[in-house]
Amino acid sequence: MQLTHKDVLRILPDRPKDSHKGDYGRILLLCGSVGYTGAAALAAMGALRSGAGLVCLGVPESIYAIEAVKLTEAMVFPLPEEEGKLSAKAIPAIRKHLKTADAVLIGCGMGICAGTLAVLNMVLQEFQGPVVVDADGITMLASCPELVGERKYPTILTPHEGEFRRLNIATGEERLTGAMIAAKEFGCIMLRKGHETVITDGRDYYINPTGNPGMAVGGSGDLLAGILVSLLGQGIKALEATACAAWLHGAAGDRCAKKLGQYGMLPSDMAAELPHLLK
């Protein structure tokens, strides 16, 4: 199945005149590390530009000041760290934020270490809502896939091809078949990035028609993850939210390619195009 722009606008929730920011999702992002401040910022911008009411970003304390300057509309807060990455000591503070979150994104630029693995374990085990696992989060899950299968709430994995291979499931299969097998094995929704991105829960699927090679640049996936967690936080069903996020991300990239050409476009340019697709 493929979505159209009309389909996406139909799926997006209505915005009553008497609504307020609390009606459009409180999003929690656990992203970033020393050297990867852009990943966290782009994920937050993706969430903000796609309609989230409140975006909270938890980052290692040593990059807090950088993110706070980059993001004037998000609520950035510092967390305990070890060598530039989140540590297990951050868990109590994260738990407090989970109590009020509608959806969580974890993994973008967060790095791989004992502390980030402990944080990932806690979020997947304790958060009672949808979780998007991206980038380094996916790499860590490859060694403990049972964390996803045990969840009673939607989990969405967003691997590019390299990350998909690390999951060690159905990597020799055709893209759609492999994604469907992996979704069943993990008990998740799989967004397998690439040309004609595949979105599947192992039973139903979408093939995304938007996007172009100009989007093959660092930070593009972080923007997509932010769009996705925003739509989940706004209450859209998980499979539809994932398909809509892929469509919007690709369509924003297509608008950039027409205006700027594929060589010079950046994820920040794509973020700026999102509002034009949501009206």
C-alpha atoms as a PDB file:
ATOM      1  CA  MET A   1       0.000   0.000   0.000  1.00  0.00           C
ATOM      2  CA  GLN A   2       1.150   3.564  -0.696  1.00  0.00           C
ATOM      3  CA  LEU A   3       0.019   6.788   0.934  1.00  0.00           C
ATOM      4  CA  THR A   4      -0.754  10.019  -0.901  1.00  0.00           C
ATOM      5  CA  HIS A   5      -0.622  13.557   0.438  1.00  0.00           C
ATOM      6  CA  LYS A   6      -4.398  13.464   0.753  1.00  0.00           C
ATOM      7  CA  ASP A   7      -4.161  10.293   2.846  1.00  0.00           C
ATOM      8  CA  VAL A   8      -1.627  11.868   5.185  1.00  0.00           C
ATOM      9  CA  LEU A   9      -3.746  14.980   5.740  1.00  0.00           C
ATOM     10  CA  ARG A  10      -6.766  12.764   6.453  1.00  0.00           C
ATOM     11  CA  ILE A  11      -4.861  10.756   9.061  1.00  0.00           C
ATOM     12  CA  LEU A  12      -3.509  13.812  10.889  1.00  0.00           C
ATOM     13  CA  PRO A  13      -5.658  14.705  13.935  1.00  0.00           C
ATOM     14  CA  ASP A  14      -8.014  17.674  13.814  1.00  0.00           C
ATOM     15  CA  ARG A  15      -7.087  20.828  15.731  1.00  0.00           C
ATOM     16  CA  PRO A  16     -10.166  22.236  17.507  1.00  0.00           C
ATOM     17  CA  LYS A  17     -10.244  25.977  18.181  1.00  0.00           C
ATOM     18  CA  ASP A  18     -10.312  25.433  21.935  1.00  0.00           C
ATOM     19  CA  SER A  19      -7.337  23.044  22.006  1.00  0.00           C
ATOM     20  CA  HIS A  20      -4.008  23.731  23.734  1.00  0.00           C
ATOM     21  CA  LYS A  21      -0.435  22.455  23.600  1.00  0.00           C
ATOM     22  CA  GLY A  22      -1.199  19.588  25.970  1.00  0.00           C
ATOM     23  CA  ASP A  23      -3.595  18.164  23.379  1.00  0.00           C
ATOM     24  CA  TYR A  24      -0.850  17.559  20.828  1.00  0.00           C
ATOM     25  CA  GLY A  25       1.511  15.289  22.668  1.00  0.00           C
ATOM     26  CA  ARG A  26       4.272  15.595  25.217  1.00  0.00           C
ATOM     27  CA  ILE A  27       7.308  14.073  23.522  1.00  0.00           C
ATOM     28  CA  LEU A  28      10.417  12.845  25.317  1.00  0.00           C
ATOM     29  CA  LEU A  29      13.674  12.519  23.377  1.00  0.00           C
ATOM     30  CA  LEU A  30      16.750  10.822  24.831  1.00  0.00           C
ATOM     31  CA  CYS A  31      19.403  11.588  22.253  1.00  0.00           C
ATOM     32  CA  GLY A  32      22.846  13.018  21.682  1.00  0.00           C
ATOM     33  CA  SER A  33      26.342  12.672  23.100  1.00  0.00           C
ATOM     34  CA  VAL A  34      29.630  14.531  22.851  1.00  0.00           C
ATOM     35  CA  GLY A  35      30.370  14.900  19.145  1.00  0.00           C
ATOM     36  CA  TYR A  36      26.757  14.183  18.139  1.00  0.00           C
ATOM     37  CA  THR A  37      24.870  17.278  19.184  1.00  0.00           C
ATOM     38  CA  GLY A  38      23.327  17.656  15.725  1.00  0.00           C
ATOM     39  CA  ALA A  39      21.486  14.330  15.962  1.00  0.00           C
ATOM     40  CA  ALA A  40      19.592  15.432  19.059  1.00  0.00           C
ATOM     41  CA  ALA A  41      18.835  18.882  17.640  1.00  0.00           C
ATOM     42  CA  LEU A  42      17.519  17.538  14.341  1.00  0.00           C
ATOM     43  CA  ALA A  43      15.330  14.949  16.066  1.00  0.00           C
ATOM     44  CA  ALA A  44      13.850  17.671  18.256  1.00  0.00           C
ATOM     45  CA  MET A  45      13.295  19.932  15.252  1.00  0.00           C
ATOM     46  CA  GLY A  46      11.541  17.096  13.412  1.00  0.00           C
ATOM     47  CA  ALA A  47       9.150  16.709  16.340  1.00  0.00           C
ATOM     48  CA  LEU A  48       8.548  20.453  16.629  1.00  0.00           C
ATOM     49  CA  ARG A  49       7.990  20.982  12.898  1.00  0.00           C
ATOM     50  CA  SER A  50       5.459  18.147  12.668  1.00  0.00           C
ATOM     51  CA  GLY A  51       3.025  19.394  15.250  1.00  0.00           C
ATOM     52  CA  ALA A  52       4.112  18.155  18.692  1.00  0.00           C
ATOM     53  CA  GLY A  53       2.712  20.265  21.511  1.00  0.00           C
ATOM     54  CA  LEU A  54       5.639  19.888  23.915  1.00  0.00           C
ATOM     55  CA  VAL A  55       9.094  18.529  23.154  1.00  0.00           C
ATOM     56  CA  CYS A  56      11.434  17.589  26.010  1.00  0.00           C
ATOM     57  CA  LEU A  57      15.023  16.652  25.180  1.00  0.00           C
ATOM     58  CA  GLY A  58      17.260  14.926  27.710  1.00  0.00           C
ATOM     59  CA  VAL A  59      20.982  15.068  26.898  1.00  0.00           C
ATOM     60  CA  PRO A  60      24.312  14.424  28.640  1.00  0.00           C
ATOM     61  CA  GLU A  61      25.075  17.388  30.882  1.00  0.00           C
ATOM     62  CA  SER A  62      28.257  18.336  28.993  1.00  0.00           C
ATOM     63  CA  ILE A  63      26.284  19.127  25.813  1.00  0.00           C
ATOM     64  CA  TYR A  64      23.300  20.718  27.554  1.00  0.00           C
ATOM     65  CA  ALA A  65      24.426  24.294  26.866  1.00  0.00           C
ATOM     66  CA  ILE A  66      24.967  23.550  23.167  1.00  0.00           C
ATOM     67  CA  GLU A  67      21.509  22.035  22.739  1.00  0.00           C
ATOM     68  CA  ALA A  68      19.822  24.779  24.761  1.00  0.00           C
ATOM     69  CA  VAL A  69      21.264  27.379  22.387  1.00  0.00           C
ATOM     70  CA  LYS A  70      20.365  25.382  19.269  1.00  0.00           C
ATOM     71  CA  LEU A  71      16.762  24.745  20.371  1.00  0.00           C
ATOM     72  CA  THR A  72      14.738  27.690  21.597  1.00  0.00           C
ATOM     73  CA  GLU A  73      11.360  25.923  21.305  1.00  0.00           C
ATOM     74  CA  ALA A  74      12.228  22.604  22.967  1.00  0.00           C
ATOM     75  CA  MET A  75      12.630  22.029  26.713  1.00  0.00           C
ATOM     76  CA  VAL A  76      16.194  20.767  27.033  1.00  0.00           C
ATOM     77  CA  PHE A  77      17.397  19.286  30.318  1.00  0.00           C
ATOM     78  CA  PRO A  78      20.784  17.905  31.428  1.00  0.00           C
ATOM     79  CA  LEU A  79      21.317  14.328  32.594  1.00  0.00           C
ATOM     80  CA  PRO A  80      24.190  12.555  34.353  1.00  0.00           C
ATOM     81  CA  GLU A  81      26.809  11.223  31.997  1.00  0.00           C
ATOM     82  CA  GLU A  82      30.011   9.260  31.750  1.00  0.00           C
ATOM     83  CA  GLU A  83      32.594  10.162  29.123  1.00  0.00           C
ATOM     84  CA  GLY A  84      30.104  12.214  27.143  1.00  0.00           C
ATOM     85  CA  LYS A  85      27.280   9.651  27.062  1.00  0.00           C
ATOM     86  CA  LEU A  86      24.268   9.098  29.312  1.00  0.00           C
ATOM     87  CA  SER A  87      25.029   7.013  32.371  1.00  0.00           C
ATOM     88  CA  ALA A  88      22.819   4.734  34.463  1.00  0.00           C
ATOM     89  CA  LYS A  89      22.701   7.547  37.033  1.00  0.00           C
ATOM     90  CA  ALA A  90      20.362   9.368  34.630  1.00  0.00           C
ATOM     91  CA  ILE A  91      17.622   6.763  35.113  1.00  0.00           C
ATOM     92  CA  PRO A  92      15.831   8.327  38.132  1.00  0.00           C
ATOM     93  CA  ALA A  93      15.477  11.689  36.347  1.00  0.00           C
ATOM     94  CA  ILE A  94      14.314   9.998  33.144  1.00  0.00           C
ATOM     95  CA  ARG A  95      11.682   8.045  35.087  1.00  0.00           C
ATOM     96  CA  LYS A  96      10.115  11.321  36.220  1.00  0.00           C
ATOM     97  CA  HIS A  97       9.798  12.503  32.622  1.00  0.00           C
ATOM     98  CA  LEU A  98       8.339   9.183  31.489  1.00  0.00           C
ATOM     99  CA  LYS A  99       5.379   9.724  33.807  1.00  0.00           C
ATOM    100  CA  THR A 100       4.119  12.618  31.698  1.00  0.00           C
ATOM    101  CA  ALA A 101       5.326  11.558  28.222  1.00  0.00           C
ATOM    102  CA  ASP A 102       2.981  10.425  25.461  1.00  0.00           C
ATOM    103  CA  ALA A 103       5.750   8.981  23.254  1.00  0.00           C
ATOM    104  CA  VAL A 104       9.509   8.489  23.525  1.00  0.00           C
ATOM    105  CA  LEU A 105      12.384   8.540  21.044  1.00  0.00           C
ATOM    106  CA  ILE A 106      15.685   7.015  22.102  1.00  0.00           C
ATOM    107  CA  GLY A 107      18.937   6.424  20.251  1.00  0.00           C
ATOM    108  CA  CYS A 108      19.782   9.305  17.913  1.00  0.00           C
ATOM    109  CA  GLY A 109      23.466  10.046  18.413  1.00  0.00           C
ATOM    110  CA  MET A 110      23.412   8.714  21.985  1.00  0.00           C
ATOM    111  CA  GLY A 111      26.420   6.399  21.653  1.00  0.00           C
ATOM    112  CA  ILE A 112      26.897   2.837  22.840  1.00  0.00           C
ATOM    113  CA  CYS A 113      28.081   2.076  26.372  1.00  0.00           C
ATOM    114  CA  ALA A 114      26.890   0.418  29.560  1.00  0.00           C
ATOM    115  CA  GLY A 115      25.042   3.563  30.621  1.00  0.00           C
ATOM    116  CA  THR A 116      23.083   4.053  27.404  1.00  0.00           C
ATOM    117  CA  LEU A 117      22.189   0.347  27.356  1.00  0.00           C
ATOM    118  CA  ALA A 118      20.861   0.630  30.916  1.00  0.00           C
ATOM    119  CA  VAL A 119      18.746   3.634  29.924  1.00  0.00           C
ATOM    120  CA  LEU A 120      17.391   1.807  26.865  1.00  0.00           C
ATOM    121  CA  ASN A 121      16.515  -1.246  28.967  1.00  0.00           C
ATOM    122  CA  MET A 122      14.641   0.854  31.505  1.00  0.00           C
ATOM    123  CA  VAL A 123      12.646   2.798  28.894  1.00  0.00           C
ATOM    124  CA  LEU A 124      11.563  -0.336  27.037  1.00  0.00           C
ATOM    125  CA  GLN A 125      10.643  -2.170  30.225  1.00  0.00           C
ATOM    126  CA  GLU A 126       8.868   0.635  32.067  1.00  0.00           C
ATOM    127  CA  PHE A 127       7.364   3.154  29.640  1.00  0.00           C
ATOM    128  CA  GLN A 128       3.672   2.516  29.014  1.00  0.00           C
ATOM    129  CA  GLY A 129       3.396   4.020  25.562  1.00  0.00           C
ATOM    130  CA  PRO A 130       4.966   4.011  22.085  1.00  0.00           C
ATOM    131  CA  VAL A 131       8.754   4.062  21.794  1.00  0.00           C
ATOM    132  CA  VAL A 132      10.809   4.826  18.682  1.00  0.00           C
ATOM    133  CA  VAL A 133      14.266   3.213  18.742  1.00  0.00           C
ATOM    134  CA  ASP A 134      16.709   4.693  16.236  1.00  0.00           C
ATOM    135  CA  ALA A 135      20.419   4.581  15.368  1.00  0.00           C
ATOM    136  CA  ASP A 136      22.615   3.487  18.301  1.00  0.00           C
ATOM    137  CA  GLY A 137      19.521   2.196  20.078  1.00  0.00           C
ATOM    138  CA  ILE A 138      18.978  -0.316  17.275  1.00  0.00           C
ATOM    139  CA  THR A 139      22.589  -1.476  17.418  1.00  0.00           C
ATOM    140  CA  MET A 140      22.255  -2.118  21.155  1.00  0.00           C
ATOM    141  CA  LEU A 141      18.979  -4.004  20.645  1.00  0.00           C
ATOM    142  CA  ALA A 142      20.693  -6.479  18.334  1.00  0.00           C
ATOM    143  CA  SER A 143      22.168  -8.161  21.428  1.00  0.00           C
ATOM    144  CA  CYS A 144      18.937  -8.170  23.445  1.00  0.00           C
ATOM    145  CA  PRO A 145      15.923  -8.370  21.079  1.00  0.00           C
ATOM    146  CA  GLU A 146      13.758  -9.827  23.839  1.00  0.00           C
ATOM    147  CA  LEU A 147      13.404  -6.318  25.280  1.00  0.00           C
ATOM    148  CA  VAL A 148      11.094  -5.417  22.406  1.00  0.00           C
ATOM    149  CA  GLY A 149       9.145  -8.656  22.242  1.00  0.00           C
ATOM    150  CA  GLU A 150       8.212  -8.402  25.910  1.00  0.00           C
ATOM    151  CA  ARG A 151       6.608  -4.958  25.516  1.00  0.00           C
ATOM    152  CA  LYS A 152       2.826  -4.520  25.556  1.00  0.00           C
ATOM    153  CA  TYR A 153       3.024  -1.153  23.819  1.00  0.00           C
ATOM    154  CA  PRO A 154       4.096  -0.190  20.269  1.00  0.00           C
ATOM    155  CA  THR A 155       7.805  -0.208  19.497  1.00  0.00           C
ATOM    156  CA  ILE A 156       9.078   1.130  16.185  1.00  0.00           C
ATOM    157  CA  LEU A 157      12.582   0.379  14.884  1.00  0.00           C
ATOM    158  CA  THR A 158      13.950   2.617  12.122  1.00  0.00           C
ATOM    159  CA  PRO A 159      17.089   0.937  10.705  1.00  0.00           C
ATOM    160  CA  HIS A 160      19.021   1.892   7.622  1.00  0.00           C
ATOM    161  CA  GLU A 161      20.487  -1.068   5.760  1.00  0.00           C
ATOM    162  CA  GLY A 162      23.636  -1.288   7.869  1.00  0.00           C
ATOM    163  CA  GLU A 163      21.631  -1.307  11.092  1.00  0.00           C
ATOM    164  CA  PHE A 164      19.173  -3.802   9.646  1.00  0.00           C
ATOM    165  CA  ARG A 165      22.035  -6.204   8.931  1.00  0.00           C
ATOM    166  CA  ARG A 166      23.177  -5.887  12.541  1.00  0.00           C
ATOM    167  CA  LEU A 167      19.834  -7.286  13.659  1.00  0.00           C
ATOM    168  CA  ASN A 168      20.878 -10.593  12.029  1.00  0.00           C
ATOM    169  CA  ILE A 169      17.373 -11.446  10.844  1.00  0.00           C
ATOM    170  CA  ALA A 170      16.360 -12.191   7.250  1.00  0.00           C
ATOM    171  CA  THR A 171      19.206 -10.119   5.816  1.00  0.00           C
ATOM    172  CA  GLY A 172      19.347 -12.318   2.729  1.00  0.00           C
ATOM    173  CA  GLU A 173      15.687 -11.815   1.895  1.00  0.00           C
ATOM    174  CA  GLU A 174      14.159  -9.287  -0.492  1.00  0.00           C
ATOM    175  CA  ARG A 175      13.593  -5.941   1.300  1.00  0.00           C
ATOM    176  CA  LEU A 176       9.877  -6.271   1.984  1.00  0.00           C
ATOM    177  CA  THR A 177      10.009  -9.930   2.959  1.00  0.00           C
ATOM    178  CA  GLY A 178      13.024  -9.362   5.185  1.00  0.00           C
ATOM    179  CA  ALA A 179      11.371  -6.415   6.920  1.00  0.00           C
ATOM    180  CA  MET A 180       8.202  -8.409   7.553  1.00  0.00           C
ATOM    181  CA  ILE A 181      10.160 -11.341   8.999  1.00  0.00           C
ATOM    182  CA  ALA A 182      12.156  -8.991  11.242  1.00  0.00           C
ATOM    183  CA  ALA A 183       9.002  -7.213  12.443  1.00  0.00           C
ATOM    184  CA  LYS A 184       7.483 -10.548  13.444  1.00  0.00           C
ATOM    185  CA  GLU A 185      10.662 -11.738  15.136  1.00  0.00           C
ATOM    186  CA  PHE A 186      11.076  -8.551  17.164  1.00  0.00           C
ATOM    187  CA  GLY A 187       7.365  -7.988  17.773  1.00  0.00           C
ATOM    188  CA  CYS A 188       7.642  -4.426  16.480  1.00  0.00           C
ATOM    189  CA  ILE A 189       6.895  -2.106  13.604  1.00  0.00           C
ATOM    190  CA  MET A 190       9.866  -2.003  11.253  1.00  0.00           C
ATOM    191  CA  LEU A 191      10.698   1.065   9.167  1.00  0.00           C
ATOM    192  CA  ARG A 192      13.405  -0.157   6.821  1.00  0.00           C
ATOM    193  CA  LYS A 193      14.935   2.955   5.296  1.00  0.00           C
ATOM    194  CA  GLY A 194      16.154   3.287   1.735  1.00  0.00           C
ATOM    195  CA  HIS A 195      14.736   3.728  -1.733  1.00  0.00           C
ATOM    196  CA  GLU A 196      11.019   2.932  -1.350  1.00  0.00           C
ATOM    197  CA  THR A 197      11.204   2.674   2.445  1.00  0.00           C
ATOM    198  CA  VAL A 198       9.283  -0.304   3.820  1.00  0.00           C
ATOM    199  CA  ILE A 199       6.987   0.067   6.818  1.00  0.00           C
ATOM    200  CA  THR A 200       5.465  -3.104   8.292  1.00  0.00           C
ATOM    201  CA  ASP A 201       4.192  -4.715  11.459  1.00  0.00           C
ATOM    202  CA  GLY A 202       4.853  -8.162   9.975  1.00  0.00           C
ATOM    203  CA  ARG A 203       1.305  -8.464   8.709  1.00  0.00           C
ATOM    204  CA  ASP A 204       0.349  -5.251   6.899  1.00  0.00           C
ATOM    205  CA  TYR A 205       2.777  -2.982   5.084  1.00  0.00           C
ATOM    206  CA  TYR A 206       3.318   0.307   3.269  1.00  0.00           C
ATOM    207  CA  ILE A 207       5.874   1.153   0.576  1.00  0.00           C
ATOM    208  CA  ASN A 208       6.822   4.816   0.707  1.00  0.00           C
ATOM    209  CA  PRO A 209       6.837   6.584  -2.690  1.00  0.00           C
ATOM    210  CA  THR A 210       8.562   9.823  -1.652  1.00  0.00           C
ATOM    211  CA  GLY A 211      12.226  10.736  -1.245  1.00  0.00           C
ATOM    212  CA  ASN A 212      15.383  11.084  -3.347  1.00  0.00           C
ATOM    213  CA  PRO A 213      19.182  10.504  -3.159  1.00  0.00           C
ATOM    214  CA  GLY A 214      19.772  14.051  -1.918  1.00  0.00           C
ATOM    215  CA  MET A 215      18.475  12.864   1.459  1.00  0.00           C
ATOM    216  CA  ALA A 216      21.460  10.527   1.866  1.00  0.00           C
ATOM    217  CA  VAL A 217      23.221  12.802   4.329  1.00  0.00           C
ATOM    218  CA  GLY A 218      23.990  12.596   8.036  1.00  0.00           C
ATOM    219  CA  GLY A 219      21.114  13.798  10.182  1.00  0.00           C
ATOM    220  CA  SER A 220      18.348  12.882   7.752  1.00  0.00           C
ATOM    221  CA  GLY A 221      17.356   9.826   9.787  1.00  0.00           C
ATOM    222  CA  ASP A 222      17.328  11.837  13.012  1.00  0.00           C
ATOM    223  CA  LEU A 223      14.832  14.231  11.464  1.00  0.00           C
ATOM    224  CA  LEU A 224      12.638  11.292  10.421  1.00  0.00           C
ATOM    225  CA  ALA A 225      12.724   9.815  13.923  1.00  0.00           C
ATOM    226  CA  GLY A 226      11.594  13.147  15.357  1.00  0.00           C
ATOM    227  CA  ILE A 227       8.690  13.394  12.921  1.00  0.00           C
ATOM    228  CA  LEU A 228       7.627   9.858  13.791  1.00  0.00           C
ATOM    229  CA  VAL A 229       7.653  10.278  17.576  1.00  0.00           C
ATOM    230  CA  SER A 230       5.681  13.511  17.170  1.00  0.00           C
ATOM    231  CA  LEU A 231       2.905  11.781  15.223  1.00  0.00           C
ATOM    232  CA  LEU A 232       2.774   8.973  17.773  1.00  0.00           C
ATOM    233  CA  GLY A 233       2.498  11.486  20.591  1.00  0.00           C
ATOM    234  CA  GLN A 234      -0.419  13.135  18.802  1.00  0.00           C
ATOM    235  CA  GLY A 235      -2.333   9.870  19.045  1.00  0.00           C
ATOM    236  CA  ILE A 236      -2.039   8.445  15.530  1.00  0.00           C
ATOM    237  CA  LYS A 237      -2.017   4.636  15.418  1.00  0.00           C
ATOM    238  CA  ALA A 238       1.512   3.283  15.269  1.00  0.00           C
ATOM    239  CA  LEU A 239       1.580   1.739  11.781  1.00  0.00           C
ATOM    240  CA  GLU A 240      -0.178   4.724  10.190  1.00  0.00           C
ATOM    241  CA  ALA A 241       2.025   7.182  12.095  1.00  0.00           C
ATOM    242  CA  THR A 242       5.140   5.412  10.829  1.00  0.00           C
ATOM    243  CA  ALA A 243       3.921   5.440   7.232  1.00  0.00           C
ATOM    244  CA  CYS A 244       2.917   9.116   7.462  1.00  0.00           C
ATOM    245  CA  ALA A 245       6.290  10.063   8.936  1.00  0.00           C
ATOM    246  CA  ALA A 246       8.128   8.346   6.094  1.00  0.00           C
ATOM    247  CA  TRP A 247       5.900  10.062   3.530  1.00  0.00           C
ATOM    248  CA  LEU A 248       6.337  13.528   5.075  1.00  0.00           C
ATOM    249  CA  HIS A 249      10.094  13.105   5.445  1.00  0.00           C
ATOM    250  CA  GLY A 250      10.490  12.028   1.822  1.00  0.00           C
ATOM    251  CA  ALA A 251       8.146  14.707   0.506  1.00  0.00           C
ATOM    252  CA  ALA A 252      10.069  17.391   2.401  1.00  0.00           C
ATOM    253  CA  GLY A 253      13.223  16.042   0.780  1.00  0.00           C
ATOM    254  CA  ASP A 254      11.581  16.183  -2.645  1.00  0.00           C
ATOM    255  CA  ARG A 255      10.642  19.829  -2.118  1.00  0.00           C
ATOM    256  CA  CYS A 256      14.248  20.589  -1.158  1.00  0.00           C
ATOM    257  CA  ALA A 257      15.592  18.785  -4.220  1.00  0.00           C
ATOM    258  CA  LYS A 258      13.411  20.917  -6.483  1.00  0.00           C
ATOM    259  CA  LYS A 259      14.499  24.154  -4.816  1.00  0.00           C
ATOM    260  CA  LEU A 260      18.139  23.464  -4.019  1.00  0.00           C
ATOM    261  CA  GLY A 261      19.200  20.432  -6.007  1.00  0.00           C
ATOM    262  CA  GLN A 262      20.189  17.104  -4.512  1.00  0.00           C
ATOM    263  CA  TYR A 263      23.848  17.935  -3.847  1.00  0.00           C
ATOM    264  CA  GLY A 264      23.509  20.836  -1.417  1.00  0.00           C
ATOM    265  CA  MET A 265      20.323  20.103   0.531  1.00  0.00           C
ATOM    266  CA  LEU A 266      20.538  19.518   4.286  1.00  0.00           C
ATOM    267  CA  PRO A 267      18.264  17.960   6.919  1.00  0.00           C
ATOM    268  CA  SER A 268      17.652  21.445   8.339  1.00  0.00           C
ATOM    269  CA  ASP A 269      16.327  22.443   4.904  1.00  0.00           C
ATOM    270  CA  MET A 270      13.963  19.462   5.006  1.00  0.00           C
ATOM    271  CA  ALA A 271      12.712  20.491   8.445  1.00  0.00           C
ATOM    272  CA  ALA A 272      11.864  23.936   7.073  1.00  0.00           C
ATOM    273  CA  GLU A 273       9.740  22.342   4.326  1.00  0.00           C
ATOM    274  CA  LEU A 274       7.600  20.269   6.679  1.00  0.00           C
ATOM    275  CA  PRO A 275       5.053  23.011   7.522  1.00  0.00           C
ATOM    276  CA  HIS A 276       4.209  23.400   3.826  1.00  0.00           C
ATOM    277  CA  LEU A 277       3.134  19.744   3.725  1.00  0.00           C
ATOM    278  CA  LEU A 278       0.908  19.937   6.795  1.00  0.00           C
ATOM    279  CA  LYS A 279      -1.478  22.684   5.782  1.00  0.00           C
END
